[in-house]
């Protein structure tokens, strides 16, 4: 699934797997709604989106065909949702999936702000650095929310211990906020722009549909990068590609 470059013939045609626009069917939407947000118990821990019958533990042992089939279906749907779906604060009924999981979750503006900051690796949030850059993820959560962050004696960012515990609890809640997103974020079937390179782009849930101006800038930038690929290596284009997708997914 990892694509390595651009077509050398036409500057506006990439050898990435996804056309513009990508057709999202009603069956795709229904399948996405049936997926589950499950916790990955590694490093800091974080949730991911798993297909029906799949779990973090079983993903390591499924056949290559099952795993690739899941990837093939999830990647474009997730990218379309993260770019085009609307997700608002509210009280949402959610499906269970684990013993003791709530059946209702109250999603606040704070929850949505943090969801938009999550750092994704394909269909899972990065369990080592769930909010993009730091191992000390509560500090990064505090920064995202505009809460007080200070420096310790060694110059490292730190927060009040009570706030640290509150933010860790909010991070655990993200599993159920994500489940509410899977089941209730507003997205219809149709033809949608998704990143030409899918998960290789830098993606995160916008929770508000991307505007046409951002889409136009993305397409124009990708044409420029395709032209540059005639003379530059894939390694040289990594940072420009990251910046292009980051702008596409940036919160308004």
C-alpha atoms as a PDB file:
ATOM      1  CA  UNK A   1       0.000   0.000   0.000  1.00  0.00           C
ATOM      2  CA  UNK A   2       2.909   2.359   0.450  1.00  0.00           C
ATOM      3  CA  UNK A   3       3.332   4.232  -2.818  1.00  0.00           C
ATOM      4  CA  UNK A   4       6.750   5.478  -3.832  1.00  0.00           C
ATOM      5  CA  UNK A   5       6.327   8.402  -6.188  1.00  0.00           C
ATOM      6  CA  UNK A   6       4.572  10.138  -9.033  1.00  0.00           C
ATOM      7  CA  UNK A   7       3.979   9.138 -12.620  1.00  0.00           C
ATOM      8  CA  UNK A   8       6.694  10.498 -14.864  1.00  0.00           C
ATOM      9  CA  UNK A   9       4.465  11.260 -17.849  1.00  0.00           C
ATOM     10  CA  UNK A  10       1.753  13.676 -16.752  1.00  0.00           C
ATOM     11  CA  UNK A  11       2.494  16.200 -13.983  1.00  0.00           C
ATOM     12  CA  UNK A  12      -1.107  16.102 -12.735  1.00  0.00           C
ATOM     13  CA  UNK A  13      -1.285  12.285 -12.487  1.00  0.00           C
ATOM     14  CA  UNK A  14       0.180  10.429  -9.514  1.00  0.00           C
ATOM     15  CA  UNK A  15       0.800   6.734  -9.133  1.00  0.00           C
ATOM     16  CA  UNK A  16      -0.894   6.953  -5.776  1.00  0.00           C
ATOM     17  CA  UNK A  17      -3.814   4.560  -5.331  1.00  0.00           C
ATOM     18  CA  UNK A  18      -6.770   6.919  -4.921  1.00  0.00           C
ATOM     19  CA  UNK A  19      -8.561   8.779  -7.691  1.00  0.00           C
ATOM     20  CA  UNK A  20     -10.154  12.161  -7.340  1.00  0.00           C
ATOM     21  CA  UNK A  21     -12.896  11.960  -6.453  1.00  0.00           C
ATOM     22  CA  UNK A  22     -13.202   8.674  -4.560  1.00  0.00           C
ATOM     23  CA  UNK A  23     -16.642   7.032  -4.556  1.00  0.00           C
ATOM     24  CA  UNK A  24     -17.936   6.232  -1.078  1.00  0.00           C
ATOM     25  CA  UNK A  25     -20.931   3.873  -1.192  1.00  0.00           C
ATOM     26  CA  UNK A  26     -23.788   3.390   1.285  1.00  0.00           C
ATOM     27  CA  UNK A  27     -22.284  -0.022   2.102  1.00  0.00           C
ATOM     28  CA  UNK A  28     -18.990   1.689   2.949  1.00  0.00           C
ATOM     29  CA  UNK A  29     -20.750   4.017   5.397  1.00  0.00           C
ATOM     30  CA  UNK A  30     -22.709   1.151   6.983  1.00  0.00           C
ATOM     31  CA  UNK A  31     -19.524  -0.902   7.385  1.00  0.00           C
ATOM     32  CA  UNK A  32     -17.702   2.021   9.010  1.00  0.00           C
ATOM     33  CA  UNK A  33     -20.603   2.446  11.458  1.00  0.00           C
ATOM     34  CA  UNK A  34     -20.191  -1.217  12.451  1.00  0.00           C
ATOM     35  CA  UNK A  35     -16.520  -0.762  13.365  1.00  0.00           C
ATOM     36  CA  UNK A  36     -15.376  -0.463  16.971  1.00  0.00           C
ATOM     37  CA  UNK A  37     -13.037   1.806  18.865  1.00  0.00           C
ATOM     38  CA  UNK A  38     -10.810  -0.511  20.908  1.00  0.00           C
ATOM     39  CA  UNK A  39      -7.946   0.276  23.261  1.00  0.00           C
ATOM     40  CA  UNK A  40      -4.360  -0.601  22.377  1.00  0.00           C
ATOM     41  CA  UNK A  41      -2.538  -1.311  25.625  1.00  0.00           C
ATOM     42  CA  UNK A  42       1.008  -0.292  24.701  1.00  0.00           C
ATOM     43  CA  UNK A  43       3.166   2.663  25.764  1.00  0.00           C
ATOM     44  CA  UNK A  44       0.734   5.445  26.763  1.00  0.00           C
ATOM     45  CA  UNK A  45      -2.134   3.462  25.266  1.00  0.00           C
ATOM     46  CA  UNK A  46      -4.608   4.738  22.681  1.00  0.00           C
ATOM     47  CA  UNK A  47      -7.664   3.610  20.750  1.00  0.00           C
ATOM     48  CA  UNK A  48      -7.911   2.522  17.137  1.00  0.00           C
ATOM     49  CA  UNK A  49     -10.692   1.706  14.686  1.00  0.00           C
ATOM     50  CA  UNK A  50     -11.163  -2.038  14.196  1.00  0.00           C
ATOM     51  CA  UNK A  51     -13.431  -3.824  11.766  1.00  0.00           C
ATOM     52  CA  UNK A  52     -16.166  -6.263  12.814  1.00  0.00           C
ATOM     53  CA  UNK A  53     -14.632  -9.341  14.428  1.00  0.00           C
ATOM     54  CA  UNK A  54     -11.163  -7.799  14.654  1.00  0.00           C
ATOM     55  CA  UNK A  55      -9.364  -6.758  17.846  1.00  0.00           C
ATOM     56  CA  UNK A  56      -5.896  -5.424  18.688  1.00  0.00           C
ATOM     57  CA  UNK A  57      -4.818  -8.887  19.839  1.00  0.00           C
ATOM     58  CA  UNK A  58      -6.184 -10.782  16.847  1.00  0.00           C
ATOM     59  CA  UNK A  59      -4.791  -8.354  14.278  1.00  0.00           C
ATOM     60  CA  UNK A  60      -1.356  -9.835  14.916  1.00  0.00           C
ATOM     61  CA  UNK A  61      -2.471 -13.328  13.963  1.00  0.00           C
ATOM     62  CA  UNK A  62      -4.951 -12.874  11.103  1.00  0.00           C
ATOM     63  CA  UNK A  63      -3.955 -13.987   7.637  1.00  0.00           C
ATOM     64  CA  UNK A  64      -2.337 -11.560   5.246  1.00  0.00           C
ATOM     65  CA  UNK A  65      -5.447 -11.662   3.072  1.00  0.00           C
ATOM     66  CA  UNK A  66      -7.718 -10.674   5.981  1.00  0.00           C
ATOM     67  CA  UNK A  67      -5.391  -7.888   7.076  1.00  0.00           C
ATOM     68  CA  UNK A  68      -4.993  -6.471   3.577  1.00  0.00           C
ATOM     69  CA  UNK A  69      -8.730  -6.722   2.980  1.00  0.00           C
ATOM     70  CA  UNK A  70      -9.361  -4.696   6.132  1.00  0.00           C
ATOM     71  CA  UNK A  71      -6.750  -2.115   5.131  1.00  0.00           C
ATOM     72  CA  UNK A  72      -8.153  -1.852   1.619  1.00  0.00           C
ATOM     73  CA  UNK A  73     -11.612  -1.076   2.924  1.00  0.00           C
ATOM     74  CA  UNK A  74     -10.763   1.075   5.938  1.00  0.00           C
ATOM     75  CA  UNK A  75      -8.161   3.390   4.428  1.00  0.00           C
ATOM     76  CA  UNK A  76     -10.286   5.395   1.966  1.00  0.00           C
ATOM     77  CA  UNK A  77     -13.368   5.430   4.222  1.00  0.00           C
ATOM     78  CA  UNK A  78     -11.394   6.687   7.203  1.00  0.00           C
ATOM     79  CA  UNK A  79      -9.625   9.330   5.104  1.00  0.00           C
ATOM     80  CA  UNK A  80     -12.960  10.548   3.712  1.00  0.00           C
ATOM     81  CA  UNK A  81     -14.506  10.688   7.175  1.00  0.00           C
ATOM     82  CA  UNK A  82     -11.571  12.536   8.688  1.00  0.00           C
ATOM     83  CA  UNK A  83     -11.715  15.157   5.917  1.00  0.00           C
ATOM     84  CA  UNK A  84     -15.430  15.588   5.296  1.00  0.00           C
ATOM     85  CA  UNK A  85     -17.471  14.444   8.312  1.00  0.00           C
ATOM     86  CA  UNK A  86     -19.086  16.810  10.801  1.00  0.00           C
ATOM     87  CA  UNK A  87     -18.869  15.875  14.484  1.00  0.00           C
ATOM     88  CA  UNK A  88     -20.448  18.053  17.163  1.00  0.00           C
ATOM     89  CA  UNK A  89     -20.625  18.035  20.956  1.00  0.00           C
ATOM     90  CA  UNK A  90     -23.583  16.085  22.316  1.00  0.00           C
ATOM     91  CA  UNK A  91     -24.834  13.069  24.191  1.00  0.00           C
ATOM     92  CA  UNK A  92     -24.436   9.963  22.042  1.00  0.00           C
ATOM     93  CA  UNK A  93     -25.596   6.381  22.424  1.00  0.00           C
ATOM     94  CA  UNK A  94     -22.730   4.069  21.522  1.00  0.00           C
ATOM     95  CA  UNK A  95     -22.416   0.352  20.977  1.00  0.00           C
ATOM     96  CA  UNK A  96     -20.557  -1.719  23.512  1.00  0.00           C
ATOM     97  CA  UNK A  97     -17.642  -3.839  22.537  1.00  0.00           C
ATOM     98  CA  UNK A  98     -15.889  -4.442  25.803  1.00  0.00           C
ATOM     99  CA  UNK A  99     -17.104  -5.495  29.231  1.00  0.00           C
ATOM    100  CA  UNK A 100     -17.973  -2.436  31.296  1.00  0.00           C
ATOM    101  CA  UNK A 101     -17.950  -0.043  28.356  1.00  0.00           C
ATOM    102  CA  UNK A 102     -20.524   2.757  28.610  1.00  0.00           C
ATOM    103  CA  UNK A 103     -23.571   2.796  26.356  1.00  0.00           C
ATOM    104  CA  UNK A 104     -23.785   6.606  26.344  1.00  0.00           C
ATOM    105  CA  UNK A 105     -20.998   9.179  26.130  1.00  0.00           C
ATOM    106  CA  UNK A 106     -21.163  12.944  26.613  1.00  0.00           C
ATOM    107  CA  UNK A 107     -18.906  14.499  24.007  1.00  0.00           C
ATOM    108  CA  UNK A 108     -17.758  18.019  24.904  1.00  0.00           C
ATOM    109  CA  UNK A 109     -15.930  20.738  22.989  1.00  0.00           C
ATOM    110  CA  UNK A 110     -12.868  19.731  25.003  1.00  0.00           C
ATOM    111  CA  UNK A 111     -13.160  16.141  23.761  1.00  0.00           C
ATOM    112  CA  UNK A 112     -13.432  17.324  20.158  1.00  0.00           C
ATOM    113  CA  UNK A 113     -10.460  19.677  20.507  1.00  0.00           C
ATOM    114  CA  UNK A 114      -8.362  16.751  21.725  1.00  0.00           C
ATOM    115  CA  UNK A 115      -9.701  14.367  19.076  1.00  0.00           C
ATOM    116  CA  UNK A 116      -8.572  16.807  16.383  1.00  0.00           C
ATOM    117  CA  UNK A 117      -5.077  16.793  17.903  1.00  0.00           C
ATOM    118  CA  UNK A 118      -4.654  13.024  17.868  1.00  0.00           C
ATOM    119  CA  UNK A 119      -1.776  11.592  15.868  1.00  0.00           C
ATOM    120  CA  UNK A 120      -2.788   8.673  13.636  1.00  0.00           C
ATOM    121  CA  UNK A 121      -0.799   5.762  12.304  1.00  0.00           C
ATOM    122  CA  UNK A 122      -3.119   4.177   9.737  1.00  0.00           C
ATOM    123  CA  UNK A 123      -6.226   3.022  11.643  1.00  0.00           C
ATOM    124  CA  UNK A 124      -4.862   3.629  15.160  1.00  0.00           C
ATOM    125  CA  UNK A 125      -3.834   6.614  17.242  1.00  0.00           C
ATOM    126  CA  UNK A 126      -0.102   6.539  17.975  1.00  0.00           C
ATOM    127  CA  UNK A 127       0.028   4.854  21.377  1.00  0.00           C
ATOM    128  CA  UNK A 128       3.496   6.304  22.120  1.00  0.00           C
ATOM    129  CA  UNK A 129       2.775   9.925  21.215  1.00  0.00           C
ATOM    130  CA  UNK A 130      -1.024  10.155  20.958  1.00  0.00           C
ATOM    131  CA  UNK A 131      -1.084  13.939  20.603  1.00  0.00           C
ATOM    132  CA  UNK A 132       1.660  14.302  17.979  1.00  0.00           C
ATOM    133  CA  UNK A 133       5.024  15.153  19.486  1.00  0.00           C
ATOM    134  CA  UNK A 134       5.617  14.385  23.165  1.00  0.00           C
ATOM    135  CA  UNK A 135       5.914  11.223  25.233  1.00  0.00           C
ATOM    136  CA  UNK A 136       4.519  13.279  28.123  1.00  0.00           C
ATOM    137  CA  UNK A 137       1.118  13.421  26.477  1.00  0.00           C
ATOM    138  CA  UNK A 138      -0.795  15.182  29.322  1.00  0.00           C
ATOM    139  CA  UNK A 139       1.462  18.211  28.804  1.00  0.00           C
ATOM    140  CA  UNK A 140       0.584  18.234  25.113  1.00  0.00           C
ATOM    141  CA  UNK A 141      -3.110  17.912  25.960  1.00  0.00           C
ATOM    142  CA  UNK A 142      -2.803  20.892  28.312  1.00  0.00           C
ATOM    143  CA  UNK A 143      -1.107  22.923  25.590  1.00  0.00           C
ATOM    144  CA  UNK A 144      -3.864  22.049  23.111  1.00  0.00           C
ATOM    145  CA  UNK A 145      -6.495  23.191  25.610  1.00  0.00           C
ATOM    146  CA  UNK A 146      -4.689  26.389  26.594  1.00  0.00           C
ATOM    147  CA  UNK A 147      -4.146  25.254  30.175  1.00  0.00           C
ATOM    148  CA  UNK A 148      -1.214  26.267  32.367  1.00  0.00           C
ATOM    149  CA  UNK A 149       2.083  24.597  31.547  1.00  0.00           C
ATOM    150  CA  UNK A 150       5.250  25.445  33.482  1.00  0.00           C
ATOM    151  CA  UNK A 151       8.926  24.399  33.467  1.00  0.00           C
ATOM    152  CA  UNK A 152      10.622  22.159  35.999  1.00  0.00           C
ATOM    153  CA  UNK A 153      14.160  22.658  37.345  1.00  0.00           C
ATOM    154  CA  UNK A 154      15.604  20.950  34.260  1.00  0.00           C
ATOM    155  CA  UNK A 155      13.615  23.054  31.818  1.00  0.00           C
ATOM    156  CA  UNK A 156      11.072  20.373  30.893  1.00  0.00           C
ATOM    157  CA  UNK A 157       7.399  21.261  30.457  1.00  0.00           C
ATOM    158  CA  UNK A 158       5.258  20.143  33.374  1.00  0.00           C
ATOM    159  CA  UNK A 159       1.727  20.539  34.713  1.00  0.00           C
ATOM    160  CA  UNK A 160       0.030  20.339  38.099  1.00  0.00           C
ATOM    161  CA  UNK A 161      -0.303  16.706  39.297  1.00  0.00           C
ATOM    162  CA  UNK A 162      -4.076  17.039  39.721  1.00  0.00           C
ATOM    163  CA  UNK A 163      -4.436  18.353  36.177  1.00  0.00           C
ATOM    164  CA  UNK A 164      -2.176  15.548  34.971  1.00  0.00           C
ATOM    165  CA  UNK A 165      -4.577  12.949  36.392  1.00  0.00           C
ATOM    166  CA  UNK A 166      -7.617  14.719  34.954  1.00  0.00           C
ATOM    167  CA  UNK A 167      -6.056  14.769  31.485  1.00  0.00           C
ATOM    168  CA  UNK A 168      -5.056  11.120  31.684  1.00  0.00           C
ATOM    169  CA  UNK A 169      -8.706  10.316  32.427  1.00  0.00           C
ATOM    170  CA  UNK A 170      -9.768  12.397  29.408  1.00  0.00           C
ATOM    171  CA  UNK A 171      -7.321  10.448  27.289  1.00  0.00           C
ATOM    172  CA  UNK A 172      -8.910   7.164  28.398  1.00  0.00           C
ATOM    173  CA  UNK A 173     -12.305   8.638  27.542  1.00  0.00           C
ATOM    174  CA  UNK A 174     -11.060   9.165  23.972  1.00  0.00           C
ATOM    175  CA  UNK A 175     -11.876   5.523  23.229  1.00  0.00           C
ATOM    176  CA  UNK A 176     -15.586   6.237  23.706  1.00  0.00           C
ATOM    177  CA  UNK A 177     -15.439   9.649  22.037  1.00  0.00           C
ATOM    178  CA  UNK A 178     -13.967   7.884  19.017  1.00  0.00           C
ATOM    179  CA  UNK A 179     -16.757   5.293  19.134  1.00  0.00           C
ATOM    180  CA  UNK A 180     -19.296   8.115  19.069  1.00  0.00           C
ATOM    181  CA  UNK A 181     -17.459   9.555  16.082  1.00  0.00           C
ATOM    182  CA  UNK A 182     -17.541   6.220  14.238  1.00  0.00           C
ATOM    183  CA  UNK A 183     -21.264   5.822  14.779  1.00  0.00           C
ATOM    184  CA  UNK A 184     -22.499   9.409  14.595  1.00  0.00           C
ATOM    185  CA  UNK A 185     -20.142  11.695  12.662  1.00  0.00           C
ATOM    186  CA  UNK A 186     -22.197  13.054   9.776  1.00  0.00           C
ATOM    187  CA  UNK A 187     -21.006  11.766   6.417  1.00  0.00           C
ATOM    188  CA  UNK A 188     -23.018  10.649   3.412  1.00  0.00           C
ATOM    189  CA  UNK A 189     -22.144   8.421   0.511  1.00  0.00           C
ATOM    190  CA  UNK A 190     -20.970  10.156  -2.634  1.00  0.00           C
ATOM    191  CA  UNK A 191     -17.803  11.280  -4.370  1.00  0.00           C
ATOM    192  CA  UNK A 192     -15.178  12.805  -2.096  1.00  0.00           C
ATOM    193  CA  UNK A 193     -11.615  14.011  -2.341  1.00  0.00           C
ATOM    194  CA  UNK A 194      -9.291  11.959  -0.187  1.00  0.00           C
ATOM    195  CA  UNK A 195      -5.489  12.202   0.035  1.00  0.00           C
ATOM    196  CA  UNK A 196      -4.005  10.735  -3.128  1.00  0.00           C
ATOM    197  CA  UNK A 197      -1.641   8.700  -0.936  1.00  0.00           C
ATOM    198  CA  UNK A 198      -4.216   7.671   1.691  1.00  0.00           C
ATOM    199  CA  UNK A 199      -2.743   6.803   5.073  1.00  0.00           C
ATOM    200  CA  UNK A 200       0.695   7.931   3.934  1.00  0.00           C
ATOM    201  CA  UNK A 201      -0.640  11.459   4.354  1.00  0.00           C
ATOM    202  CA  UNK A 202      -0.707  13.101   7.782  1.00  0.00           C
ATOM    203  CA  UNK A 203      -4.341  12.603   8.798  1.00  0.00           C
ATOM    204  CA  UNK A 204      -6.477  13.412  11.845  1.00  0.00           C
ATOM    205  CA  UNK A 205     -10.212  14.004  12.320  1.00  0.00           C
ATOM    206  CA  UNK A 206     -11.125  17.552  11.354  1.00  0.00           C
ATOM    207  CA  UNK A 207     -14.666  17.244  12.795  1.00  0.00           C
ATOM    208  CA  UNK A 208     -15.682  19.965  10.339  1.00  0.00           C
ATOM    209  CA  UNK A 209     -15.732  19.439   6.569  1.00  0.00           C
ATOM    210  CA  UNK A 210     -12.722  20.715   4.670  1.00  0.00           C
ATOM    211  CA  UNK A 211     -13.477  23.741   2.519  1.00  0.00           C
ATOM    212  CA  UNK A 212     -13.186  23.915  -1.248  1.00  0.00           C
ATOM    213  CA  UNK A 213     -10.344  26.433  -1.047  1.00  0.00           C
ATOM    214  CA  UNK A 214      -8.215  23.969   0.933  1.00  0.00           C
ATOM    215  CA  UNK A 215      -9.072  21.202  -1.544  1.00  0.00           C
ATOM    216  CA  UNK A 216      -8.030  23.416  -4.458  1.00  0.00           C
ATOM    217  CA  UNK A 217      -4.740  24.299  -2.742  1.00  0.00           C
ATOM    218  CA  UNK A 218      -4.055  20.616  -2.097  1.00  0.00           C
ATOM    219  CA  UNK A 219      -4.649  19.636  -5.714  1.00  0.00           C
ATOM    220  CA  UNK A 220      -2.500  22.467  -7.008  1.00  0.00           C
ATOM    221  CA  UNK A 221       0.312  21.578  -4.594  1.00  0.00           C
ATOM    222  CA  UNK A 222       0.204  17.935  -5.637  1.00  0.00           C
ATOM    223  CA  UNK A 223       0.521  18.917  -9.302  1.00  0.00           C
ATOM    224  CA  UNK A 224       3.614  20.961  -8.420  1.00  0.00           C
ATOM    225  CA  UNK A 225       5.068  18.013  -6.484  1.00  0.00           C
ATOM    226  CA  UNK A 226       4.373  15.691  -9.399  1.00  0.00           C
ATOM    227  CA  UNK A 227       6.365  18.010 -11.638  1.00  0.00           C
ATOM    228  CA  UNK A 228       9.191  18.166  -9.089  1.00  0.00           C
ATOM    229  CA  UNK A 229       9.249  14.361  -8.970  1.00  0.00           C
ATOM    230  CA  UNK A 230      10.707  14.372 -12.485  1.00  0.00           C
ATOM    231  CA  UNK A 231      14.005  15.573 -11.011  1.00  0.00           C
ATOM    232  CA  UNK A 232      13.814  14.905  -7.267  1.00  0.00           C
ATOM    233  CA  UNK A 233      13.833  11.670  -5.299  1.00  0.00           C
ATOM    234  CA  UNK A 234      10.994  10.375  -3.136  1.00  0.00           C
ATOM    235  CA  UNK A 235      13.123  11.109  -0.064  1.00  0.00           C
ATOM    236  CA  UNK A 236      13.507  14.753  -1.092  1.00  0.00           C
ATOM    237  CA  UNK A 237       9.730  15.062  -1.447  1.00  0.00           C
ATOM    238  CA  UNK A 238       8.807  13.549   1.935  1.00  0.00           C
ATOM    239  CA  UNK A 239       8.680  16.869   3.812  1.00  0.00           C
ATOM    240  CA  UNK A 240       6.768  18.739   1.070  1.00  0.00           C
ATOM    241  CA  UNK A 241       4.219  15.900   0.986  1.00  0.00           C
ATOM    242  CA  UNK A 242       3.847  16.002   4.769  1.00  0.00           C
ATOM    243  CA  UNK A 243       3.329  19.766   4.700  1.00  0.00           C
ATOM    244  CA  UNK A 244       0.766  19.499   1.907  1.00  0.00           C
ATOM    245  CA  UNK A 245      -1.362  16.917   3.709  1.00  0.00           C
ATOM    246  CA  UNK A 246      -0.944  18.696   7.067  1.00  0.00           C
ATOM    247  CA  UNK A 247      -2.439  21.817   5.549  1.00  0.00           C
ATOM    248  CA  UNK A 248      -5.328  19.836   4.091  1.00  0.00           C
ATOM    249  CA  UNK A 249      -6.187  18.347   7.498  1.00  0.00           C
ATOM    250  CA  UNK A 250      -5.456  21.470   9.555  1.00  0.00           C
ATOM    251  CA  UNK A 251      -8.296  22.594  11.797  1.00  0.00           C
ATOM    252  CA  UNK A 252     -10.019  25.780  10.612  1.00  0.00           C
END
